[in-house]
Amino acid sequence: MINVNEYFEGAVKSLAYTTPQGRSTIGVIEPGEYEFGTSSHETMTVIEGSLEALLPGQDKWQTFTGGQTFEVEANTSFKVKTEVQSSYLCTYR
């Protein structure tokens, strides 16, 4: 089953699905800044565009572009911002 997720008044949308390897979402982020909480370990890969991420325990934003990945541990929060519409794949393992 594919589930549709919508956050921040529609500025972030994703499709969630489950494979034998686990849960994943593929989504699009509109320009802006957003904060997300995690309940499980997340690996986020930028597909297209660019995301700046402020990861837990860090004080500097890091830029990730197409094909680049960052990880966030469970039960934390992180921020992302973008100036262009960007897409991502997030796996929860």
N, C-alpha and C. Protein backbone atom coordinates (compact mmCIF):
# COMPACT_ATOMS: atom_id res chain seq x y z
N MET A 1 0.83 -1.17 0.00
CA MET A 1 0.00 0.00 0.00
C MET A 1 0.88 1.25 0.00
N ILE A 2 0.52 2.21 -0.81
CA ILE A 2 1.23 3.49 -0.86
C ILE A 2 0.42 4.50 -0.05
N ASN A 3 1.10 5.18 0.88
CA ASN A 3 0.47 6.22 1.69
C ASN A 3 0.99 7.58 1.28
N VAL A 4 0.10 8.56 1.27
CA VAL A 4 0.47 9.93 0.93
C VAL A 4 0.63 10.73 2.23
N ASN A 5 1.76 11.41 2.37
CA ASN A 5 2.03 12.25 3.54
C ASN A 5 2.13 13.70 3.09
N GLU A 6 1.63 14.60 3.92
CA GLU A 6 1.71 16.02 3.63
C GLU A 6 2.04 16.75 4.92
N TYR A 7 3.05 17.63 4.86
CA TYR A 7 3.52 18.37 6.02
C TYR A 7 3.63 19.85 5.69
N PHE A 8 3.63 20.68 6.74
CA PHE A 8 3.88 22.11 6.59
C PHE A 8 2.96 22.73 5.54
N GLU A 9 1.65 22.48 5.72
CA GLU A 9 0.61 23.05 4.86
C GLU A 9 0.84 22.73 3.39
N GLY A 10 1.34 21.53 3.11
CA GLY A 10 1.52 21.07 1.74
C GLY A 10 2.87 21.40 1.12
N ALA A 11 3.76 22.05 1.88
CA ALA A 11 5.07 22.42 1.33
C ALA A 11 6.01 21.23 1.22
N VAL A 12 5.73 20.15 1.96
CA VAL A 12 6.50 18.92 1.88
C VAL A 12 5.50 17.78 1.68
N LYS A 13 5.67 17.03 0.61
CA LYS A 13 4.79 15.90 0.32
C LYS A 13 5.63 14.68 0.00
N SER A 14 5.13 13.51 0.43
CA SER A 14 5.86 12.29 0.13
C SER A 14 4.92 11.12 -0.05
N LEU A 15 5.43 10.11 -0.72
CA LEU A 15 4.75 8.84 -0.88
C LEU A 15 5.51 7.82 -0.06
N ALA A 16 4.81 7.13 0.84
CA ALA A 16 5.44 6.14 1.72
C ALA A 16 5.10 4.74 1.24
N TYR A 17 6.09 3.86 1.31
CA TYR A 17 5.89 2.47 0.89
C TYR A 17 6.79 1.57 1.72
N THR A 18 6.50 0.28 1.69
CA THR A 18 7.28 -0.69 2.45
C THR A 18 7.73 -1.80 1.51
N THR A 19 9.02 -2.15 1.60
CA THR A 19 9.60 -3.24 0.84
C THR A 19 10.10 -4.28 1.83
N PRO A 20 10.58 -5.42 1.36
CA PRO A 20 11.16 -6.39 2.30
C PRO A 20 12.33 -5.81 3.12
N GLN A 21 12.99 -4.76 2.61
CA GLN A 21 14.10 -4.14 3.34
C GLN A 21 13.63 -3.16 4.41
N GLY A 22 12.37 -2.69 4.34
CA GLY A 22 11.86 -1.75 5.33
C GLY A 22 11.06 -0.62 4.72
N ARG A 23 10.75 0.37 5.55
CA ARG A 23 9.94 1.52 5.10
C ARG A 23 10.79 2.56 4.40
N SER A 24 10.16 3.25 3.43
CA SER A 24 10.81 4.33 2.70
C SER A 24 9.78 5.38 2.31
N THR A 25 10.25 6.59 2.06
CA THR A 25 9.42 7.62 1.46
C THR A 25 10.21 8.29 0.35
N ILE A 26 9.48 8.75 -0.64
CA ILE A 26 10.07 9.54 -1.70
C ILE A 26 9.26 10.82 -1.79
N GLY A 27 9.93 11.97 -1.73
CA GLY A 27 9.16 13.20 -1.60
C GLY A 27 9.76 14.40 -2.28
N VAL A 28 9.01 15.49 -2.17
CA VAL A 28 9.40 16.78 -2.75
C VAL A 28 9.24 17.85 -1.69
N ILE A 29 10.21 18.75 -1.62
CA ILE A 29 10.21 19.85 -0.65
C ILE A 29 10.21 21.17 -1.41
N GLU A 30 9.26 22.03 -1.08
CA GLU A 30 9.22 23.38 -1.64
C GLU A 30 10.27 24.26 -0.95
N PRO A 31 10.68 25.35 -1.57
CA PRO A 31 11.62 26.26 -0.91
C PRO A 31 11.11 26.67 0.47
N GLY A 32 12.02 26.68 1.44
CA GLY A 32 11.69 27.05 2.81
C GLY A 32 12.59 26.33 3.79
N GLU A 33 12.28 26.48 5.08
CA GLU A 33 13.02 25.82 6.15
C GLU A 33 12.05 25.02 7.00
N TYR A 34 12.43 23.77 7.34
CA TYR A 34 11.53 22.84 8.02
C TYR A 34 12.30 22.05 9.08
N GLU A 35 11.60 21.69 10.15
CA GLU A 35 12.20 20.85 11.19
C GLU A 35 11.41 19.55 11.29
N PHE A 36 12.13 18.43 11.30
CA PHE A 36 11.53 17.10 11.36
C PHE A 36 12.03 16.37 12.60
N GLY A 37 11.16 15.59 13.20
CA GLY A 37 11.53 14.69 14.29
C GLY A 37 11.64 13.28 13.74
N THR A 38 12.47 12.47 14.37
CA THR A 38 12.65 11.09 13.91
C THR A 38 12.20 10.12 15.00
N SER A 39 11.61 9.01 14.58
CA SER A 39 11.27 7.95 15.52
C SER A 39 12.11 6.71 15.25
N SER A 40 12.78 6.69 14.10
CA SER A 40 13.71 5.61 13.76
C SER A 40 14.88 6.22 12.99
N HIS A 41 15.93 5.43 12.83
CA HIS A 41 17.10 5.88 12.08
C HIS A 41 16.68 6.22 10.65
N GLU A 42 17.13 7.37 10.13
CA GLU A 42 16.77 7.79 8.78
C GLU A 42 18.02 8.04 7.95
N THR A 43 17.95 7.58 6.71
CA THR A 43 18.98 7.92 5.73
C THR A 43 18.29 8.68 4.61
N MET A 44 18.70 9.92 4.41
CA MET A 44 18.06 10.76 3.40
C MET A 44 19.03 10.99 2.25
N THR A 45 18.57 10.68 1.04
CA THR A 45 19.35 10.88 -0.18
C THR A 45 18.66 11.93 -1.04
N VAL A 46 19.38 12.96 -1.40
CA VAL A 46 18.84 13.98 -2.29
C VAL A 46 18.82 13.40 -3.71
N ILE A 47 17.67 13.48 -4.35
CA ILE A 47 17.56 12.98 -5.72
C ILE A 47 17.84 14.10 -6.71
N GLU A 48 17.19 15.22 -6.49
CA GLU A 48 17.35 16.36 -7.40
C GLU A 48 17.23 17.63 -6.59
N GLY A 49 17.95 18.66 -6.98
CA GLY A 49 17.95 19.91 -6.24
C GLY A 49 19.05 19.93 -5.21
N SER A 50 18.80 20.63 -4.11
CA SER A 50 19.81 20.80 -3.07
C SER A 50 19.12 21.01 -1.74
N LEU A 51 19.62 20.35 -0.70
CA LEU A 51 19.12 20.54 0.66
C LEU A 51 20.27 20.95 1.56
N GLU A 52 20.02 21.93 2.40
CA GLU A 52 20.95 22.24 3.48
C GLU A 52 20.36 21.61 4.73
N ALA A 53 21.19 20.92 5.50
CA ALA A 53 20.72 20.23 6.70
C ALA A 53 21.50 20.69 7.92
N LEU A 54 20.77 20.91 9.00
CA LEU A 54 21.37 21.17 10.31
C LEU A 54 21.09 19.92 11.13
N LEU A 55 22.12 19.10 11.26
CA LEU A 55 21.97 17.78 11.87
C LEU A 55 22.13 17.85 13.39
N PRO A 56 21.58 16.88 14.11
CA PRO A 56 21.66 16.89 15.57
C PRO A 56 23.11 17.01 16.06
N GLY A 57 23.32 17.88 17.04
CA GLY A 57 24.64 18.05 17.62
C GLY A 57 25.58 18.91 16.79
N GLN A 58 25.12 19.41 15.66
CA GLN A 58 25.95 20.24 14.79
C GLN A 58 25.53 21.70 14.92
N ASP A 59 26.45 22.61 14.65
CA ASP A 59 26.09 24.02 14.66
C ASP A 59 26.28 24.68 13.29
N LYS A 60 26.67 23.88 12.30
CA LYS A 60 26.85 24.40 10.94
C LYS A 60 25.94 23.64 9.98
N TRP A 61 25.31 24.37 9.09
CA TRP A 61 24.50 23.77 8.04
C TRP A 61 25.42 23.11 7.03
N GLN A 62 25.01 21.94 6.52
CA GLN A 62 25.76 21.23 5.48
C GLN A 62 24.89 21.13 4.24
N THR A 63 25.50 21.28 3.06
CA THR A 63 24.77 21.24 1.80
C THR A 63 24.90 19.86 1.16
N PHE A 64 23.77 19.32 0.71
CA PHE A 64 23.71 18.03 0.04
C PHE A 64 22.99 18.21 -1.29
N THR A 65 23.60 17.70 -2.36
CA THR A 65 23.02 17.81 -3.69
C THR A 65 22.72 16.41 -4.23
N GLY A 66 22.21 16.35 -5.46
CA GLY A 66 21.79 15.09 -6.06
C GLY A 66 22.77 13.95 -5.86
N GLY A 67 22.28 12.84 -5.30
CA GLY A 67 23.10 11.66 -5.07
C GLY A 67 23.79 11.63 -3.72
N GLN A 68 23.79 12.73 -3.00
CA GLN A 68 24.44 12.76 -1.70
C GLN A 68 23.46 12.38 -0.59
N THR A 69 24.01 11.81 0.49
CA THR A 69 23.22 11.23 1.56
C THR A 69 23.65 11.75 2.92
N PHE A 70 22.68 11.87 3.84
CA PHE A 70 23.02 12.11 5.24
C PHE A 70 22.14 11.22 6.11
N GLU A 71 22.59 10.99 7.34
CA GLU A 71 21.88 10.09 8.25
C GLU A 71 21.52 10.82 9.54
N VAL A 72 20.39 10.42 10.10
CA VAL A 72 19.91 11.00 11.36
C VAL A 72 19.48 9.85 12.26
N GLU A 73 19.95 9.86 13.49
CA GLU A 73 19.61 8.81 14.45
C GLU A 73 18.15 8.93 14.90
N ALA A 74 17.63 7.87 15.46
CA ALA A 74 16.26 7.84 15.98
C ALA A 74 16.10 8.77 17.16
N ASN A 75 14.88 9.26 17.35
CA ASN A 75 14.50 10.07 18.50
C ASN A 75 15.28 11.36 18.63
N THR A 76 15.55 11.99 17.49
CA THR A 76 16.19 13.29 17.45
C THR A 76 15.38 14.18 16.50
N SER A 77 15.87 15.37 16.25
CA SER A 77 15.25 16.22 15.25
C SER A 77 16.36 16.87 14.43
N PHE A 78 15.99 17.28 13.23
CA PHE A 78 16.94 17.94 12.34
C PHE A 78 16.17 18.95 11.50
N LYS A 79 16.91 19.91 10.94
CA LYS A 79 16.31 20.93 10.09
C LYS A 79 16.84 20.79 8.67
N VAL A 80 15.99 21.09 7.71
CA VAL A 80 16.43 21.19 6.32
C VAL A 80 15.88 22.49 5.75
N LYS A 81 16.62 23.04 4.81
CA LYS A 81 16.14 24.21 4.07
C LYS A 81 16.61 24.11 2.63
N THR A 82 15.85 24.74 1.77
CA THR A 82 16.19 24.74 0.35
C THR A 82 15.68 26.01 -0.29
N GLU A 83 16.37 26.43 -1.32
CA GLU A 83 15.94 27.60 -2.09
C GLU A 83 15.27 27.19 -3.39
N VAL A 84 15.34 25.90 -3.72
CA VAL A 84 14.72 25.38 -4.94
C VAL A 84 13.92 24.13 -4.60
N GLN A 85 12.88 23.86 -5.37
CA GLN A 85 12.12 22.63 -5.18
C GLN A 85 13.09 21.46 -5.30
N SER A 86 13.07 20.55 -4.31
CA SER A 86 14.04 19.46 -4.27
C SER A 86 13.33 18.15 -3.94
N SER A 87 13.89 17.05 -4.45
CA SER A 87 13.31 15.73 -4.17
C SER A 87 14.30 14.87 -3.40
N TYR A 88 13.74 13.88 -2.67
CA TYR A 88 14.57 13.05 -1.80
C TYR A 88 13.99 11.65 -1.68
N LEU A 89 14.84 10.73 -1.28
CA LEU A 89 14.47 9.37 -0.86
C LEU A 89 14.90 9.24 0.58
N CYS A 90 13.98 8.83 1.45
CA CYS A 90 14.31 8.63 2.86
C CYS A 90 14.01 7.18 3.21
N THR A 91 15.01 6.49 3.75
CA THR A 91 14.82 5.12 4.20
C THR A 91 14.88 5.09 5.72
N TYR A 92 14.02 4.24 6.30
CA TYR A 92 13.91 4.13 7.76
C TYR A 92 14.35 2.73 8.14
N ARG A 93 15.57 2.61 8.70
CA ARG A 93 16.11 1.29 9.03
C ARG A 93 16.80 1.34 10.37
